[in-house]
């Protein structure tokens, strides 16, 4: 896997959370990345209203692909830039452009009992 493939996987899995004909201004995926676990939230924004997917279950393989992509990005950033990320926000727009922001601090979910 390379960075472009990881971004493509994340975009495809994010889009798969919603019905193909749903309109949106942007789709947003927020992930927390631990040593072997992830947590995610998905949102759709359209005409100033935000919503989460309802009743659409993600195939198991899509979830596995998503985890593989974010673990790749985490490991790649650590190796190439010596930066440890603990999460990311991926925003996808209708024209297929995207923005990605990384989180460099552990969330409370990842800190657990620390």
Protein backbone atom coordinates (compact mmCIF):
# COMPACT_ATOMS: atom_id res chain seq x y z
CA UNK A 1 0.00 0.00 0.00
CA UNK A 2 1.10 3.57 -0.61
CA UNK A 3 -0.30 6.90 0.57
CA UNK A 4 -2.48 7.42 -2.51
CA UNK A 5 -3.99 3.95 -2.12
CA UNK A 6 -4.65 4.61 1.58
CA UNK A 7 -6.45 7.88 0.78
CA UNK A 8 -8.47 6.14 -1.93
CA UNK A 9 -9.46 3.35 0.45
CA UNK A 10 -10.54 5.81 3.12
CA UNK A 11 -12.62 7.80 0.60
CA UNK A 12 -14.30 4.66 -0.76
CA UNK A 13 -15.13 3.32 2.69
CA UNK A 14 -16.43 6.72 3.81
CA UNK A 15 -18.67 6.90 0.75
CA UNK A 16 -19.88 3.33 1.40
CA UNK A 17 -21.46 4.45 4.68
CA UNK A 18 -24.17 6.22 2.67
CA UNK A 19 -26.52 5.41 -0.18
CA UNK A 20 -24.97 6.17 -3.60
CA UNK A 21 -27.71 8.65 -4.58
CA UNK A 22 -27.55 10.69 -1.35
CA UNK A 23 -26.55 14.29 -1.92
CA UNK A 24 -23.93 15.87 0.31
CA UNK A 25 -21.84 18.99 0.67
CA UNK A 26 -19.17 16.95 2.43
CA UNK A 27 -18.69 13.60 4.14
CA UNK A 28 -16.51 13.43 7.22
CA UNK A 29 -14.73 10.53 8.91
CA UNK A 30 -13.09 11.02 12.31
CA UNK A 31 -10.89 8.16 13.45
CA UNK A 32 -8.91 7.48 16.58
CA UNK A 33 -6.00 5.12 16.06
CA UNK A 34 -4.59 3.01 18.88
CA UNK A 35 -1.98 0.29 18.84
CA UNK A 36 -4.38 -2.34 17.53
CA UNK A 37 -7.79 -0.69 17.66
CA UNK A 38 -9.65 2.10 15.96
CA UNK A 39 -12.76 4.11 16.69
CA UNK A 40 -14.67 6.02 14.04
CA UNK A 41 -17.46 8.54 13.59
CA UNK A 42 -18.98 9.31 10.20
CA UNK A 43 -21.02 12.39 9.30
CA UNK A 44 -22.77 13.74 6.22
CA UNK A 45 -23.29 17.48 5.80
CA UNK A 46 -25.92 18.75 3.37
CA UNK A 47 -27.58 22.17 3.23
CA UNK A 48 -26.35 23.06 6.72
CA UNK A 49 -27.65 19.85 8.33
CA UNK A 50 -25.39 17.15 9.70
CA UNK A 51 -26.43 13.51 10.01
CA UNK A 52 -24.95 10.10 10.59
CA UNK A 53 -25.68 7.03 8.45
CA UNK A 54 -28.88 5.24 9.41
CA UNK A 55 -29.39 1.55 8.91
CA UNK A 56 -26.52 1.10 6.44
CA UNK A 57 -24.14 -1.57 7.65
CA UNK A 58 -20.58 -1.54 6.43
CA UNK A 59 -19.24 -4.86 5.06
CA UNK A 60 -16.62 -6.47 7.31
CA UNK A 61 -14.02 -6.30 4.54
CA UNK A 62 -14.55 -2.53 4.21
CA UNK A 63 -13.89 -2.09 7.92
CA UNK A 64 -10.73 -4.19 7.65
CA UNK A 65 -9.58 -2.20 4.61
CA UNK A 66 -10.17 1.06 6.48
CA UNK A 67 -8.13 -0.08 9.49
CA UNK A 68 -5.33 -1.27 7.19
CA UNK A 69 -5.26 2.14 5.45
CA UNK A 70 -5.15 4.22 8.64
CA UNK A 71 -2.53 1.97 10.23
CA UNK A 72 -0.46 2.37 7.06
CA UNK A 73 -0.75 6.18 7.27
CA UNK A 74 0.13 6.12 10.97
CA UNK A 75 3.18 3.90 10.43
CA UNK A 76 4.27 5.79 7.30
CA UNK A 77 4.18 9.18 9.06
CA UNK A 78 6.16 7.78 11.97
CA UNK A 79 8.76 6.30 9.62
CA UNK A 80 9.10 9.17 7.14
CA UNK A 81 8.46 12.25 9.31
CA UNK A 82 9.01 10.89 12.83
CA UNK A 83 5.49 12.08 13.70
CA UNK A 84 3.17 9.94 15.84
CA UNK A 85 -0.50 10.38 14.98
CA UNK A 86 -3.36 9.19 17.15
CA UNK A 87 -6.20 10.04 14.82
CA UNK A 88 -7.32 11.71 11.64
CA UNK A 89 -10.20 13.59 10.11
CA UNK A 90 -10.87 12.87 6.45
CA UNK A 91 -13.29 15.17 4.59
CA UNK A 92 -14.59 14.15 1.16
CA UNK A 93 -16.31 16.59 -1.19
CA UNK A 94 -18.75 15.81 -4.04
CA UNK A 95 -16.09 16.56 -6.67
CA UNK A 96 -13.91 13.78 -5.12
CA UNK A 97 -11.45 16.26 -3.64
CA UNK A 98 -10.58 15.72 0.00
CA UNK A 99 -8.81 17.16 2.99
CA UNK A 100 -7.07 15.20 5.73
CA UNK A 101 -5.98 16.46 9.12
CA UNK A 102 -4.00 14.43 11.63
CA UNK A 103 -4.37 14.38 15.42
CA UNK A 104 -1.11 14.31 17.35
CA UNK A 105 -2.50 13.89 20.87
CA UNK A 106 -4.11 10.82 22.41
CA UNK A 107 -7.83 11.14 23.03
CA UNK A 108 -9.39 10.15 26.34
CA UNK A 109 -10.62 6.95 24.65
CA UNK A 110 -7.03 5.97 23.84
CA UNK A 111 -5.66 7.03 27.22
CA UNK A 112 -8.01 4.64 29.00
CA UNK A 113 -6.97 4.33 32.62
CA UNK A 114 -3.84 6.48 32.40
